[in-house]
N, C-alpha and C. Protein backbone atom coordinates (compact mmCIF):
# COMPACT_ATOMS: atom_id res chain seq x y z
N UNK A 1 1.23 -7.77 -39.35
CA UNK A 1 0.82 -6.52 -38.91
C UNK A 1 1.09 -5.16 -39.62
N UNK A 2 0.25 -4.42 -39.44
CA UNK A 2 0.77 -2.84 -39.79
C UNK A 2 1.54 -2.45 -39.20
N UNK A 3 2.21 -1.08 -39.69
CA UNK A 3 3.64 -0.48 -39.36
C UNK A 3 2.85 0.55 -38.53
N UNK A 4 3.43 0.66 -37.24
CA UNK A 4 3.20 1.71 -35.98
C UNK A 4 3.32 2.87 -36.85
N UNK A 5 2.25 3.84 -36.61
CA UNK A 5 2.49 5.35 -37.26
C UNK A 5 2.11 6.11 -36.04
N UNK A 6 1.47 5.81 -34.91
CA UNK A 6 1.14 6.66 -33.72
C UNK A 6 1.55 6.07 -32.25
N UNK A 7 2.02 6.76 -31.53
CA UNK A 7 2.17 6.35 -29.86
C UNK A 7 1.51 7.09 -29.15
N UNK A 8 0.82 6.55 -28.53
CA UNK A 8 -0.36 6.96 -27.70
C UNK A 8 0.17 6.24 -26.15
N UNK A 9 0.22 7.43 -25.39
CA UNK A 9 0.66 7.22 -23.84
C UNK A 9 -0.22 7.55 -22.56
N UNK A 10 -0.32 6.47 -21.66
CA UNK A 10 -0.65 6.61 -20.47
C UNK A 10 -0.33 7.86 -19.80
N UNK A 11 -0.34 8.23 -18.62
CA UNK A 11 0.60 9.28 -18.10
C UNK A 11 0.98 9.21 -16.86
N UNK A 12 0.37 8.57 -15.83
CA UNK A 12 0.62 8.28 -14.38
C UNK A 12 1.36 6.78 -14.84
N UNK A 13 2.43 6.65 -14.08
CA UNK A 13 3.18 5.34 -14.04
C UNK A 13 4.26 5.11 -15.34
N UNK A 14 3.80 6.04 -16.20
CA UNK A 14 4.41 5.69 -17.77
C UNK A 14 5.42 6.91 -18.38
N UNK A 15 4.72 8.22 -17.96
CA UNK A 15 5.43 9.51 -18.21
C UNK A 15 6.01 9.77 -16.73
N UNK A 16 4.79 10.07 -16.24
CA UNK A 16 5.17 10.83 -14.68
C UNK A 16 5.55 9.81 -13.73
N UNK A 17 6.25 10.10 -12.69
CA UNK A 17 6.93 9.45 -11.61
C UNK A 17 5.75 9.58 -9.95
N UNK A 18 4.66 9.31 -10.40
CA UNK A 18 3.11 9.85 -9.85
C UNK A 18 3.01 9.25 -8.41
N UNK A 19 3.23 7.86 -8.26
CA UNK A 19 2.75 7.14 -7.37
C UNK A 19 2.48 7.58 -5.59
N UNK A 20 3.67 8.03 -5.25
CA UNK A 20 4.45 8.62 -4.26
C UNK A 20 3.34 9.74 -3.96
N UNK A 21 3.38 10.77 -4.82
CA UNK A 21 2.56 12.09 -4.57
C UNK A 21 1.15 11.62 -4.58
N UNK A 22 0.32 10.66 -5.08
CA UNK A 22 -0.69 10.07 -4.69
C UNK A 22 -1.10 9.55 -3.58
N UNK A 23 -0.01 8.82 -2.96
CA UNK A 23 -0.11 8.13 -1.99
C UNK A 23 0.00 9.23 -0.89
N UNK A 24 0.55 10.11 -0.80
CA UNK A 24 0.48 11.36 0.21
C UNK A 24 -0.38 12.10 0.11
N UNK A 25 -1.32 12.68 -0.72
CA UNK A 25 -2.28 13.17 -1.16
C UNK A 25 -3.44 12.11 0.05
N UNK A 26 -3.53 10.70 -0.22
CA UNK A 26 -4.19 10.28 0.53
C UNK A 26 -3.70 10.02 1.73
N UNK A 27 -2.52 9.86 2.39
CA UNK A 27 -2.26 10.20 4.00
C UNK A 27 -2.67 11.29 4.43
N UNK A 28 -2.27 12.61 3.78
CA UNK A 28 -3.14 13.57 4.07
C UNK A 28 -4.64 13.99 4.09
N UNK A 29 -5.27 13.40 3.38
CA UNK A 29 -6.90 13.80 3.30
C UNK A 29 -7.41 12.64 4.38
N UNK A 30 -6.21 11.31 4.58
CA UNK A 30 -6.94 10.42 5.68
C UNK A 30 -6.85 11.16 7.41
N UNK A 31 -5.62 11.82 7.20
CA UNK A 31 -5.71 12.44 8.80
C UNK A 31 -6.77 13.58 8.60
N UNK A 32 -6.76 14.52 7.65
CA UNK A 32 -7.89 15.52 7.44
C UNK A 32 -9.25 15.02 8.07
N UNK A 33 -9.59 14.08 7.92
CA UNK A 33 -10.86 13.78 7.56
C UNK A 33 -11.37 12.70 8.72
N UNK A 34 -10.17 12.35 9.49
CA UNK A 34 -10.11 11.48 10.72
C UNK A 34 -10.44 10.31 10.72
N UNK A 35 -9.98 9.46 9.32
CA UNK A 35 -10.47 8.11 8.88
C UNK A 35 -9.81 7.00 9.83
N UNK A 36 -8.46 7.42 10.07
CA UNK A 36 -7.48 6.16 10.59
C UNK A 36 -7.43 5.34 9.78
N UNK A 37 -7.43 5.40 8.48
CA UNK A 37 -7.13 4.19 7.92
C UNK A 37 -5.39 3.98 7.51
N UNK A 38 -4.82 2.73 7.12
CA UNK A 38 -3.53 2.43 6.89
C UNK A 38 -3.20 2.45 5.77
N UNK A 39 -2.92 3.39 5.18
CA UNK A 39 -2.70 3.95 3.82
C UNK A 39 -1.33 3.03 3.30
N UNK A 40 -1.83 2.15 2.15
CA UNK A 40 -0.57 1.14 1.71
C UNK A 40 0.56 2.08 1.11
N UNK A 41 1.73 1.37 1.30
CA UNK A 41 3.12 1.83 0.77
C UNK A 41 3.16 1.56 -0.81
N UNK A 42 3.95 2.35 -1.53
CA UNK A 42 4.12 1.89 -2.94
C UNK A 42 4.04 0.54 -3.52
N UNK A 43 5.09 -0.08 -2.85
CA UNK A 43 4.95 -1.74 -3.04
C UNK A 43 3.69 -2.47 -2.86
N UNK A 44 2.89 -2.25 -1.74
CA UNK A 44 1.68 -2.89 -1.10
C UNK A 44 0.43 -2.19 -2.26
N UNK A 45 0.63 -1.21 -2.70
CA UNK A 45 -0.23 -0.48 -3.75
C UNK A 45 -0.17 -1.40 -5.31
N UNK A 46 1.26 -1.15 -5.61
CA UNK A 46 1.39 -1.85 -6.60
C UNK A 46 0.63 -3.21 -6.51
N UNK A 47 1.46 -3.97 -5.76
CA UNK A 47 0.36 -5.15 -5.61
C UNK A 47 -1.17 -5.69 -5.72
N UNK A 48 -1.83 -4.46 -4.87
CA UNK A 48 -3.07 -4.39 -5.14
C UNK A 48 -3.43 -4.32 -6.61
N UNK A 49 -2.85 -3.35 -7.56
CA UNK A 49 -3.16 -2.98 -8.63
C UNK A 49 -2.71 -4.16 -9.81
N UNK A 50 -1.84 -4.86 -9.68
CA UNK A 50 -1.55 -6.23 -9.86
C UNK A 50 -2.53 -7.07 -10.07
N UNK A 51 -3.13 -7.54 -8.82
CA UNK A 51 -4.12 -8.28 -8.55
C UNK A 51 -5.80 -7.85 -9.28
N UNK A 52 -5.40 -6.58 -9.87
CA UNK A 52 -6.65 -5.94 -10.43
C UNK A 52 -7.61 -5.23 -9.98
N UNK A 53 -7.24 -4.74 -8.81
CA UNK A 53 -7.84 -3.71 -8.10
C UNK A 53 -8.13 -2.06 -8.85
N UNK A 54 -9.03 -1.89 -9.24
CA UNK A 54 -9.50 -0.70 -9.96
C UNK A 54 -9.29 0.76 -8.92
N UNK A 55 -8.10 1.28 -10.07
CA UNK A 55 -7.51 2.63 -9.40
C UNK A 55 -7.71 3.64 -9.92
N UNK A 56 -8.42 3.86 -11.22
CA UNK A 56 -8.64 5.10 -12.01
C UNK A 56 -10.13 4.89 -12.66
N UNK A 57 -11.16 5.71 -12.71
CA UNK A 57 -10.46 7.55 -12.22
C UNK A 57 -9.95 7.48 -10.86
N UNK A 58 -9.92 8.78 -10.34
CA UNK A 58 -9.04 9.05 -9.28
C UNK A 58 -10.29 8.60 -8.02
N UNK A 59 -11.17 8.42 -8.16
CA UNK A 59 -12.26 8.18 -6.98
C UNK A 59 -11.84 6.81 -6.51
N UNK A 60 -11.83 6.10 -7.28
CA UNK A 60 -11.49 4.28 -7.46
C UNK A 60 -10.07 4.10 -6.70
N UNK A 61 -9.22 5.17 -6.77
CA UNK A 61 -7.81 5.31 -6.09
C UNK A 61 -8.33 5.27 -4.68
N UNK A 62 -8.68 6.48 -4.28
CA UNK A 62 -9.24 6.72 -2.68
C UNK A 62 -9.77 5.48 -2.51
N UNK A 63 -10.95 5.20 -2.96
CA UNK A 63 -11.61 3.73 -2.49
C UNK A 63 -10.66 2.70 -2.47
N UNK A 64 -9.47 2.45 -3.40
CA UNK A 64 -8.67 0.97 -3.24
C UNK A 64 -7.82 0.98 -1.92
N UNK A 65 -7.47 2.19 -1.29
CA UNK A 65 -6.60 2.56 -0.34
C UNK A 65 -7.67 2.57 0.96
N UNK A 66 -9.10 2.67 0.99
CA UNK A 66 -10.00 2.63 1.93
C UNK A 66 -10.88 3.51 2.34
N UNK A 67 -10.84 4.49 1.53
CA UNK A 67 -11.80 5.85 1.97
C UNK A 67 -13.06 5.10 1.61
N UNK A 68 -14.18 5.32 2.23
CA UNK A 68 -15.83 5.21 2.28
C UNK A 68 -15.84 6.22 0.93
N UNK A 69 -16.92 5.43 0.02
CA UNK A 69 -17.27 6.42 -0.93
C UNK A 69 -17.41 7.89 -1.02
N UNK A 70 -18.36 8.18 -0.06
CA UNK A 70 -18.66 9.72 0.41
C UNK A 70 -17.19 10.17 0.53
N UNK A 71 -16.54 9.74 1.25
CA UNK A 71 -14.83 10.58 1.59
C UNK A 71 -14.29 10.41 0.18
N UNK A 72 -14.32 9.30 -0.85
CA UNK A 72 -13.41 9.23 -1.91
C UNK A 72 -13.92 10.52 -2.68
N UNK A 73 -15.22 10.32 -3.00
CA UNK A 73 -15.95 11.74 -3.74
C UNK A 73 -15.44 12.93 -3.39
N UNK A 74 -15.38 13.24 -1.64
CA UNK A 74 -15.06 14.18 -1.58
C UNK A 74 -13.50 14.59 -1.51
N UNK A 75 -12.72 13.62 -1.46
CA UNK A 75 -11.35 13.66 -2.03
C UNK A 75 -10.76 13.99 -3.22
N UNK A 76 -11.76 13.30 -4.40
CA UNK A 76 -11.41 13.38 -5.43
C UNK A 76 -11.56 14.92 -6.19
N UNK A 77 -12.72 15.51 -5.32
CA UNK A 77 -13.16 16.99 -5.79
C UNK A 77 -11.98 18.04 -5.16
N UNK A 78 -11.11 17.43 -4.06
CA UNK A 78 -10.02 18.82 -3.73
C UNK A 78 -8.93 18.10 -4.48
N UNK A 79 -8.85 16.48 -4.77
CA UNK A 79 -7.78 16.46 -5.82
C UNK A 79 -7.64 17.53 -7.30
N UNK A 80 -8.76 17.26 -7.43
CA UNK A 80 -8.81 18.41 -9.02
C UNK A 80 -8.21 19.40 -8.88
N UNK A 81 -8.80 20.11 -7.50
CA UNK A 81 -8.45 21.37 -7.17
C UNK A 81 -6.77 21.98 -6.83
N UNK A 82 -6.46 20.67 -6.14
CA UNK A 82 -5.08 21.23 -5.40
C UNK A 82 -3.79 20.22 -5.91
N UNK A 83 -3.97 19.27 -6.31
CA UNK A 83 -2.93 18.01 -6.70
C UNK A 83 -1.74 18.74 -7.24
N UNK A 84 -2.05 19.70 -8.42
CA UNK A 84 -0.65 20.32 -8.80
C UNK A 84 -0.03 21.40 -8.11
N UNK A 85 -0.96 21.62 -7.05
CA UNK A 85 -0.19 22.89 -6.56
C UNK A 85 0.66 22.20 -5.41
N UNK A 86 0.20 21.28 -4.70
CA UNK A 86 0.72 20.76 -3.64
C UNK A 86 1.72 19.37 -3.59
N UNK A 87 1.25 18.54 -4.69
CA UNK A 87 1.70 17.49 -4.70
C UNK A 87 2.42 17.16 -6.19
N UNK A 88 3.19 18.00 -6.73
CA UNK A 88 3.63 18.00 -8.13
C UNK A 88 4.27 16.76 -8.51
N UNK A 89 4.05 15.74 -9.61
CA UNK A 89 4.59 14.83 -9.95
C UNK A 89 5.73 15.46 -10.81
N UNK A 90 6.95 14.47 -11.11
CA UNK A 90 7.88 14.56 -11.76
C UNK A 90 7.77 13.70 -12.91
N UNK A 91 8.56 14.23 -14.25
CA UNK A 91 8.26 13.05 -15.09
C UNK A 91 9.66 11.98 -15.10
N UNK A 92 9.59 10.77 -15.49
CA UNK A 92 10.43 9.87 -14.99
C UNK A 92 11.82 10.28 -15.99
N UNK A 93 13.06 10.33 -15.44
CA UNK A 93 14.21 10.62 -16.08
C UNK A 93 14.16 9.94 -17.62
N UNK A 94 14.41 11.10 -18.47
CA UNK A 94 14.74 10.53 -19.71
C UNK A 94 13.23 10.47 -20.60
N UNK A 95 12.22 10.98 -20.23
CA UNK A 95 11.03 11.16 -20.62
C UNK A 95 10.65 12.22 -22.21
N UNK A 96 11.58 13.43 -21.75
CA UNK A 96 11.51 14.38 -22.31
C UNK A 96 12.46 13.84 -23.60
N UNK A 97 13.56 13.17 -23.53
CA UNK A 97 14.45 12.82 -24.69
C UNK A 97 13.75 11.65 -25.70
N UNK A 98 13.14 10.70 -24.62
CA UNK A 98 12.47 9.63 -25.54
C UNK A 98 11.53 10.25 -26.28
N UNK A 99 10.28 11.17 -26.05
CA UNK A 99 9.28 11.63 -26.90
C UNK A 99 9.99 12.35 -27.71
N UNK A 100 10.95 13.11 -27.50
CA UNK A 100 11.62 14.24 -28.48
C UNK A 100 12.22 12.79 -29.78
N UNK A 101 12.59 11.81 -29.54
CA UNK A 101 13.29 10.95 -30.22
C UNK A 101 12.31 10.42 -31.02
N UNK A 102 11.22 10.13 -30.65
CA UNK A 102 10.15 9.55 -31.31
C UNK A 102 9.58 10.35 -32.47
N UNK A 103 9.12 11.73 -31.55
CA UNK A 103 8.52 12.69 -32.65
C UNK A 103 9.62 13.08 -33.91
N UNK A 104 10.72 13.14 -33.70
CA UNK A 104 11.64 13.51 -34.74
C UNK A 104 12.03 12.05 -35.45
N UNK A 105 11.75 11.14 -35.49
CA UNK A 105 11.25 9.79 -36.04
C UNK A 105 10.16 9.65 -36.81
N UNK A 106 9.29 10.59 -36.62
CA UNK A 106 7.93 10.86 -37.27
C UNK A 106 6.91 10.33 -36.82
N UNK A 107 6.93 9.71 -35.68
CA UNK A 107 5.66 9.21 -35.03
C UNK A 107 4.93 10.17 -34.59
N UNK A 108 3.82 10.27 -34.52
CA UNK A 108 2.59 10.99 -34.35
C UNK A 108 2.52 10.39 -32.54
N UNK A 109 2.20 11.51 -31.51
CA UNK A 109 2.03 11.22 -30.38
C UNK A 109 0.50 11.72 -29.50
N UNK A 110 0.39 10.78 -28.80
CA UNK A 110 -1.04 11.16 -28.13
C UNK A 110 -0.71 10.60 -26.82
N UNK A 111 -1.77 11.07 -25.82
CA UNK A 111 -2.43 11.07 -24.69
C UNK A 111 -3.45 10.36 -24.32
N UNK A 112 -3.60 9.28 -23.63
CA UNK A 112 -5.03 8.66 -23.30
C UNK A 112 -4.69 8.42 -21.95
N UNK A 113 -5.30 9.15 -20.99
CA UNK A 113 -5.17 9.04 -19.33
C UNK A 113 -6.40 9.25 -18.88
N UNK A 114 -6.28 8.58 -17.16
CA UNK A 114 -7.76 8.87 -16.46
C UNK A 114 -7.35 10.16 -15.46
N UNK A 115 -6.16 11.09 -16.05
CA UNK A 115 -5.73 11.98 -15.30
C UNK A 115 -6.57 13.04 -15.82
N UNK A 116 -6.70 14.31 -15.23
CA UNK A 116 -7.20 15.28 -15.74
C UNK A 116 -6.31 16.29 -16.72
N UNK A 117 -7.07 17.30 -17.32
CA UNK A 117 -6.10 17.82 -18.48
C UNK A 117 -5.20 18.83 -17.81
N UNK A 118 -5.31 19.41 -16.90
CA UNK A 118 -5.01 20.57 -16.05
C UNK A 118 -3.68 20.23 -15.49
N UNK A 119 -3.50 18.69 -15.01
CA UNK A 119 -2.39 17.91 -14.15
C UNK A 119 -1.35 17.56 -15.20
N UNK A 120 -2.11 17.26 -16.34
CA UNK A 120 -0.74 16.57 -17.32
C UNK A 120 -0.10 17.45 -18.17
N UNK A 121 -0.71 19.01 -18.39
CA UNK A 121 -0.42 20.04 -18.98
C UNK A 121 0.91 20.74 -18.05
N UNK A 122 0.41 20.48 -16.68
CA UNK A 122 1.61 21.43 -15.90
C UNK A 122 2.62 20.19 -15.73
N UNK A 123 2.38 19.01 -15.56
CA UNK A 123 3.55 18.22 -15.26
C UNK A 123 4.60 17.80 -16.36
N UNK A 124 3.81 18.03 -17.29
CA UNK A 124 4.63 17.56 -18.86
C UNK A 124 4.92 19.07 -19.50
N UNK A 125 4.83 20.15 -18.89
CA UNK A 125 5.00 21.30 -19.45
C UNK A 125 6.44 21.17 -20.37
N UNK A 126 7.53 20.64 -20.59
CA UNK A 126 8.04 20.68 -21.02
C UNK A 126 8.43 19.51 -22.39
N UNK A 127 7.37 18.76 -22.32
CA UNK A 127 6.74 17.72 -23.60
C UNK A 127 6.28 18.08 -24.23
N UNK A 128 4.60 18.76 -23.88
CA UNK A 128 3.26 18.83 -24.07
C UNK A 128 3.44 19.28 -25.70
N UNK A 129 4.32 19.92 -26.01
CA UNK A 129 4.14 20.62 -27.63
C UNK A 129 4.76 19.51 -28.27
N UNK A 130 5.15 18.04 -27.89
CA UNK A 130 5.37 17.20 -28.68
C UNK A 130 4.04 16.17 -29.33
N UNK A 131 2.94 16.40 -28.26
CA UNK A 131 1.89 15.68 -28.79
C UNK A 131 1.03 16.14 -29.53
N UNK A 132 0.26 15.72 -30.29
CA UNK A 132 -0.44 16.42 -31.29
C UNK A 132 -1.77 16.68 -30.47
N UNK A 133 -2.30 17.85 -30.43
CA UNK A 133 -3.43 18.46 -29.52
C UNK A 133 -4.60 17.73 -29.60
N UNK A 134 -4.98 17.32 -30.82
CA UNK A 134 -6.07 16.70 -31.41
C UNK A 134 -5.77 14.86 -30.33
N UNK A 135 -5.23 14.76 -30.32
CA UNK A 135 -4.96 13.38 -29.98
C UNK A 135 -4.19 13.34 -28.22
N UNK A 136 -4.97 14.44 -27.50
CA UNK A 136 -4.96 14.18 -26.15
C UNK A 136 -6.43 14.10 -25.56
N UNK A 137 -6.43 13.06 -24.71
CA UNK A 137 -7.67 12.19 -24.11
C UNK A 137 -7.52 12.55 -22.72
N UNK A 138 -8.37 13.13 -21.99
CA UNK A 138 -8.44 13.13 -20.61
C UNK A 138 -9.59 12.80 -19.94
N UNK A 139 -9.59 12.46 -18.76
CA UNK A 139 -10.73 12.09 -17.66
C UNK A 139 -11.27 13.25 -17.05
N UNK A 140 -11.86 14.09 -17.55
CA UNK A 140 -12.67 15.27 -16.93
C UNK A 140 -14.05 14.94 -15.88
N UNK A 141 -14.88 14.26 -16.47
CA UNK A 141 -16.12 14.05 -15.86
C UNK A 141 -16.48 12.75 -16.57
N UNK A 142 -17.53 12.28 -16.12
CA UNK A 142 -18.18 10.93 -16.30
C UNK A 142 -18.64 10.82 -17.69
N UNK A 143 -18.58 11.58 -18.43
CA UNK A 143 -18.90 11.80 -19.78
C UNK A 143 -17.81 11.50 -20.69
N UNK A 144 -16.41 11.57 -20.13
CA UNK A 144 -15.29 11.45 -20.69
C UNK A 144 -15.03 10.16 -21.71
N UNK A 145 -14.41 10.01 -22.77
CA UNK A 145 -14.69 8.93 -23.37
C UNK A 145 -13.79 8.02 -22.39
N UNK A 146 -14.32 6.80 -22.69
CA UNK A 146 -13.37 5.33 -22.12
C UNK A 146 -12.14 5.26 -22.79
N UNK A 147 -10.69 4.85 -22.31
CA UNK A 147 -9.67 4.56 -23.27
C UNK A 147 -9.71 3.90 -24.23
N UNK A 148 -10.45 2.56 -24.42
CA UNK A 148 -10.96 2.42 -25.68
C UNK A 148 -11.58 3.24 -26.62
N UNK A 149 -12.26 3.87 -26.39
CA UNK A 149 -12.97 4.81 -27.28
C UNK A 149 -12.39 5.54 -27.67
N UNK A 150 -11.21 6.33 -26.67
CA UNK A 150 -10.05 7.62 -27.06
C UNK A 150 -9.24 6.90 -28.11
N UNK A 151 -8.79 5.56 -27.87
CA UNK A 151 -7.94 5.19 -28.97
C UNK A 151 -8.52 5.28 -30.45
N UNK A 152 -9.67 4.57 -30.57
CA UNK A 152 -10.72 4.45 -31.61
C UNK A 152 -10.84 6.12 -32.02
N UNK A 153 -10.94 6.97 -31.34
CA UNK A 153 -11.36 8.73 -31.89
C UNK A 153 -9.83 8.98 -32.54
N UNK A 154 -8.81 8.65 -31.84
CA UNK A 154 -7.34 9.21 -32.26
C UNK A 154 -6.87 8.48 -33.67
N UNK A 155 -7.36 7.23 -33.73
CA UNK A 155 -7.34 6.57 -35.31
C UNK A 155 -8.27 7.43 -36.24
N UNK A 156 -9.09 7.78 -35.73
CA UNK A 156 -10.34 8.69 -36.74
C UNK A 156 -9.75 10.06 -36.86
N UNK A 157 -9.10 10.63 -35.79
CA UNK A 157 -8.57 11.61 -35.81
C UNK A 157 -7.25 12.01 -36.83
N UNK A 158 -6.36 10.87 -36.84
CA UNK A 158 -5.42 10.77 -37.70
C UNK A 158 -5.32 10.26 -38.92
N UNK A 159 -7.12 9.65 -39.38
CA UNK A 159 -7.31 9.06 -40.40
C UNK A 159 -6.47 7.81 -40.62
N UNK A 160 -6.20 6.83 -39.52
CA UNK A 160 -5.35 5.78 -39.79
C UNK A 160 -5.71 4.72 -38.86
N UNK A 161 -5.76 3.19 -39.42
CA UNK A 161 -6.45 2.35 -38.87
C UNK A 161 -5.85 1.92 -37.44
N UNK A 162 -6.80 2.07 -36.44
CA UNK A 162 -6.42 1.58 -34.96
C UNK A 162 -5.09 0.74 -34.79
N UNK A 163 -5.09 -0.22 -35.75
CA UNK A 163 -4.03 -1.53 -35.62
C UNK A 163 -2.69 -0.32 -35.77
N UNK A 164 -2.35 0.64 -36.30
CA UNK A 164 -1.35 1.60 -36.80
C UNK A 164 -0.93 2.24 -35.25
N UNK A 165 -1.50 1.71 -34.19
CA UNK A 165 -1.40 2.67 -32.61
C UNK A 165 -0.69 1.69 -31.99
N UNK A 166 -0.01 2.36 -31.16
CA UNK A 166 0.93 1.62 -30.52
C UNK A 166 0.31 2.16 -28.56
N UNK A 167 -0.15 1.43 -27.74
CA UNK A 167 -0.90 2.04 -26.57
C UNK A 167 0.65 1.88 -25.57
N UNK A 168 0.96 2.57 -24.69
CA UNK A 168 1.99 2.12 -23.89
C UNK A 168 1.57 2.86 -22.34
N UNK A 169 1.25 1.62 -21.68
CA UNK A 169 0.34 1.46 -20.40
C UNK A 169 1.12 0.97 -19.23
N UNK A 170 0.53 1.16 -18.06
CA UNK A 170 1.38 0.60 -16.98
C UNK A 170 0.40 -0.33 -16.09
N UNK A 171 -0.74 -0.82 -16.60
CA UNK A 171 -1.71 -1.78 -15.95
C UNK A 171 -2.62 -2.46 -17.02
N UNK A 172 -3.00 -3.84 -16.37
CA UNK A 172 -3.45 -4.80 -17.14
C UNK A 172 -4.63 -4.27 -18.11
N UNK A 173 -5.39 -2.98 -17.06
CA UNK A 173 -6.68 -2.26 -17.67
C UNK A 173 -6.11 -1.62 -18.94
N UNK A 174 -5.18 -0.92 -19.19
CA UNK A 174 -4.56 -0.52 -20.35
C UNK A 174 -4.47 -1.49 -21.21
N UNK A 175 -4.01 -2.57 -21.20
CA UNK A 175 -3.75 -3.67 -21.94
C UNK A 175 -5.09 -4.09 -22.63
N UNK A 176 -5.92 -4.40 -21.92
CA UNK A 176 -7.74 -4.57 -22.37
C UNK A 176 -8.05 -3.50 -23.24
N UNK A 177 -8.06 -2.16 -22.53
CA UNK A 177 -8.51 -1.29 -23.31
C UNK A 177 -7.94 -1.35 -24.81
N UNK A 178 -6.33 -1.49 -25.00
CA UNK A 178 -5.64 -1.39 -26.30
C UNK A 178 -6.33 -2.74 -27.05
N UNK A 179 -6.26 -3.44 -26.41
CA UNK A 179 -6.75 -4.92 -27.02
C UNK A 179 -8.51 -4.53 -27.59
N UNK A 180 -9.37 -4.30 -26.49
CA UNK A 180 -10.47 -3.85 -27.27
C UNK A 180 -10.82 -3.04 -28.43
N UNK A 181 -9.96 -2.09 -28.26
CA UNK A 181 -10.03 -1.36 -29.41
C UNK A 181 -9.25 -1.56 -30.83
N UNK A 182 -8.68 -2.60 -30.28
CA UNK A 182 -7.72 -3.29 -31.57
C UNK A 182 -6.42 -2.75 -32.19
N UNK A 183 -5.79 -2.03 -30.83
CA UNK A 183 -4.27 -1.39 -31.19
C UNK A 183 -3.46 -2.37 -30.39
N UNK A 184 -2.30 -2.03 -30.65
CA UNK A 184 -0.95 -2.82 -30.08
C UNK A 184 -0.82 -2.29 -28.79
N UNK A 185 -0.17 -3.21 -27.80
CA UNK A 185 0.18 -2.44 -26.92
C UNK A 185 1.61 -2.63 -25.99
N UNK A 186 2.32 -1.82 -25.43
CA UNK A 186 3.17 -1.98 -24.48
C UNK A 186 3.36 -2.04 -23.61
N UNK A 187 3.79 -2.44 -22.56
CA UNK A 187 3.62 -2.56 -21.16
C UNK A 187 4.62 -2.13 -20.56
N UNK A 188 4.84 -0.99 -19.43
CA UNK A 188 5.97 -0.71 -18.41
C UNK A 188 5.76 -1.13 -17.44
N UNK A 189 6.99 -1.88 -16.47
CA UNK A 189 6.91 -2.44 -15.58
C UNK A 189 7.31 -1.82 -14.37
N UNK A 190 8.09 -0.26 -14.77
CA UNK A 190 8.49 0.61 -13.45
C UNK A 190 7.26 1.42 -13.28
N UNK A 191 5.93 1.19 -13.73
CA UNK A 191 4.74 2.21 -13.21
C UNK A 191 4.16 1.59 -12.30
N UNK A 192 2.68 1.35 -12.10
CA UNK A 192 2.09 1.28 -10.84
C UNK A 192 1.53 -0.11 -11.00
N UNK A 193 1.63 -0.84 -12.06
CA UNK A 193 0.70 -2.03 -11.83
C UNK A 193 1.00 -3.21 -12.90
N UNK A 194 1.98 -3.28 -13.52
CA UNK A 194 2.70 -4.47 -14.38
C UNK A 194 3.74 -5.46 -13.95
N UNK A 195 3.35 -6.43 -13.56
CA UNK A 195 4.63 -7.51 -12.76
C UNK A 195 5.43 -7.78 -13.87
N UNK A 196 6.57 -7.91 -13.56
CA UNK A 196 7.54 -8.40 -14.69
C UNK A 196 7.68 -9.88 -15.01
N UNK A 197 6.38 -10.56 -14.47
CA UNK A 197 6.38 -11.79 -14.72
C UNK A 197 4.98 -11.97 -15.74
N UNK A 198 4.54 -11.08 -16.07
CA UNK A 198 3.29 -10.78 -17.23
C UNK A 198 3.80 -11.29 -18.37
N UNK A 199 3.41 -12.03 -19.01
CA UNK A 199 3.93 -12.43 -20.30
C UNK A 199 2.86 -12.61 -21.41
N UNK A 200 1.62 -11.49 -21.00
CA UNK A 200 0.49 -11.24 -22.04
C UNK A 200 0.86 -10.52 -22.98
N UNK A 201 2.02 -9.94 -22.69
CA UNK A 201 2.08 -8.92 -24.10
C UNK A 201 3.55 -8.08 -23.76
N UNK A 202 4.41 -7.55 -24.83
CA UNK A 202 5.55 -7.05 -24.45
C UNK A 202 5.58 -6.00 -23.34
N UNK A 203 6.80 -6.02 -22.88
CA UNK A 203 7.27 -5.15 -21.93
C UNK A 203 8.52 -4.47 -21.66
N UNK A 204 8.44 -3.22 -21.41
CA UNK A 204 10.17 -2.72 -20.94
C UNK A 204 10.04 -2.20 -19.76
N UNK A 205 11.22 -2.24 -19.44
CA UNK A 205 11.62 -2.05 -17.78
C UNK A 205 11.91 -0.49 -17.68
N UNK A 206 12.15 0.37 -18.61
CA UNK A 206 12.81 1.54 -18.48
C UNK A 206 12.20 2.55 -19.65
N UNK A 207 12.17 3.96 -18.92
CA UNK A 207 11.53 4.78 -20.33
C UNK A 207 12.23 4.73 -21.31
N UNK A 208 13.87 4.48 -21.26
CA UNK A 208 14.69 4.69 -22.17
C UNK A 208 14.59 3.51 -23.43
N UNK A 209 13.91 2.42 -23.03
CA UNK A 209 13.74 1.25 -23.68
C UNK A 209 12.66 1.36 -24.69
N UNK A 210 11.57 2.28 -24.28
CA UNK A 210 10.55 2.35 -25.11
C UNK A 210 10.78 2.56 -26.54
N UNK A 211 11.62 3.41 -27.16
CA UNK A 211 12.18 3.50 -28.69
C UNK A 211 12.29 2.10 -29.48
N UNK A 212 13.26 1.48 -28.49
CA UNK A 212 13.69 0.35 -28.97
C UNK A 212 12.79 -0.60 -29.29
N UNK A 213 11.51 -0.75 -28.88
CA UNK A 213 10.56 -1.85 -28.83
C UNK A 213 9.62 -1.37 -29.77
N UNK A 214 9.32 0.14 -30.41
CA UNK A 214 8.61 0.21 -31.28
C UNK A 214 8.66 -0.31 -32.88
N UNK A 215 9.86 -0.44 -33.13
CA UNK A 215 9.99 -1.25 -34.33
C UNK A 215 9.48 -2.50 -34.55
N UNK A 216 9.73 -3.20 -33.25
CA UNK A 216 9.27 -4.61 -33.05
C UNK A 216 7.69 -5.08 -33.36
N UNK A 217 6.97 -4.00 -33.53
CA UNK A 217 5.37 -4.31 -33.76
C UNK A 217 5.11 -4.44 -35.16
């Protein structure tokens, strides 16, 4: 297998500890809209994701916790406007040190996420300068690239083979995107939806473990 030269990260559940804030906006919109839904807690939501429930882009997250499509669309529109003002997620401890270490070791860093650009730039303000701006792909609208196509676009942008890319994600959907693109994949079990019992791909249990696994590919 070819040497890893670029490391691409999903954001929510990998770099940002954002599950609780996402559930909080669901609780608030549930109350505001008078839907009387029982919003799952973090453990129940993770179980849904592990079972394969689609939760991204954000419209699907609202639907996964019970919002009817009409209200899921409405909530998504409001999410895009207010999430980073009222529900600011924080990076997991050690994220900036981990990214700085990888950058100093010469890896190109990228982002492929279903979140929107304004959210990730705001939440990762202390680390965003470590990423190659040409290798940041977000989900702004329905015409945005899929994760598979974004990984292929990064390979083209960097003039490398897609097999030189390691994608780090926290859902099995991320694994499938990497596999379909032809890149390598590293799962994190501390995020939104990868079980510690999943043996389909390599996994880490901490942000600080990520650099130690890069050279194993």
